[in-house]
Amino acid sequence: MAIKLLNKNEVEFDLIALGECMIRLSPPGHQRIELTPYFEAYAGGGEYNVAYALARYGLRTSWVSRLVDNPLGHFIRNHAQTSGMDISEVIWVPYDGAGRADRIGLNFTEVGIGVRPSVTLYDRGHTAISHIKPGEVNWKKIFNERKARWFHTGGIFTALSDSCAEVTLEAVKAAHEAGTIVSYDLNFRSKLWSSKKAIEVTKGLIPYIDVLIGNEEDFQKVLGFEVEGVDENLKELPIDAYKKMVKKVVGAYPHIKIVGTTLREVLSGLVNNWSAIMYYEGNFYESRKYQNLEIEDRVGGGDGFCSGLIYGVLNNMSPQESVEFGAAHGALLQSTRGDTSMVTLEEIMHVVKGGSARIKR
């Protein structure tokens, strides 16, 4: 692909990500939060999930965040290390014994079924990462001395606090100036900020962003671009309407090199139609459509697409191959519980090549 990447032999990392990782607590199966006798625990966070997946697939990734030095912070550290990602730039802060100053965020997630959707309940106020301040991370040293081909962050981290938004701007500027490709997952979360605030902040970041990732709601709520003719229940998502929207985005911001969009048609809590489109150099590339995709857990599907797309670009796949790889990874990621990828490169390529789910013996 013609997108200009730094030479992989002259950088320490293929990708650096900035964001929060929380501990997710889910009732087993499809039980309710208020009635379950126990929870399953997972680590996950939008930007973290991307670095974690790419490390599993052999890329050199690093994750920047701020964690409390207690067993909950160690839970996240241990999970991160299983992927092989670098966490040397994580800021560790002391535990005050009660979490008054800094804490690890929690989210409680019910996995939906039938007409009941999946639901996430946040318990992430006053987290360590939300207190990060400009100047706390030496971004110029990271991007000019350690160096990376790609930097990834997104709207979830940016929405956590005003200081997080300031750090995002500081980081994308430094990455851009160092010649690092910058991707930003719009990832709108109405529980974290309003659409008005999201649009206001994101407009200041856009000049430093090369790659935009998001779904139908993200482009509407974070950039203010409406998708015409979309059913409010998202049962039908006309691709032509998305293409018109993306053309408006790149028309307004012509420096944007890639736009990746997931298309999810929600048939039930556990059955979706799933696909993706990618815009690159004036052309659109559509992935295979996964009709009636059976889902174990939909959380993290978008991050799976994002990391898969980035993997394709970093490995010089064609645009069509990249969008197919991203869509396949997102589909497979939703076949397991938890936010982070548990699938292998072999499994992704099997699906990309049209392989079936026939049992392997």
Foldseek 3Di string as FASTA:
>chain_A
DPPDFDDPVVAQFAEEEEAAKAKEWEAPDQDDPVPGPGTDIDIDDLRLQLQLQVLQAPGAYEYEFEAEPDVRSVVNVVSSVVSVYHDPNYHYDYDPPPQPQAHGWYKYWGQFWFAGAIDIDTPGPNHRRLPDAPPPGPLLCCCVPNRYREYEYEDVQCLSYVRSLVNLQVNLVSCQVSNHAYEYELPDDVVRDFLVVLQVSVVSNLVSHQEYEYEQVSCCSRNNQHQPPADPLLQDDDVVSVVVSVVVVCVVVVNHAKYKYKRWHDPGSFWIWIWIWMDGPHDIATEDIDHRQGFPHLAQLSSQLVSQLSVCVSVVHDNNLSRNLSRLRSSQQRRDDDNHGPDYPVSSVCVSVPHDPPDDD
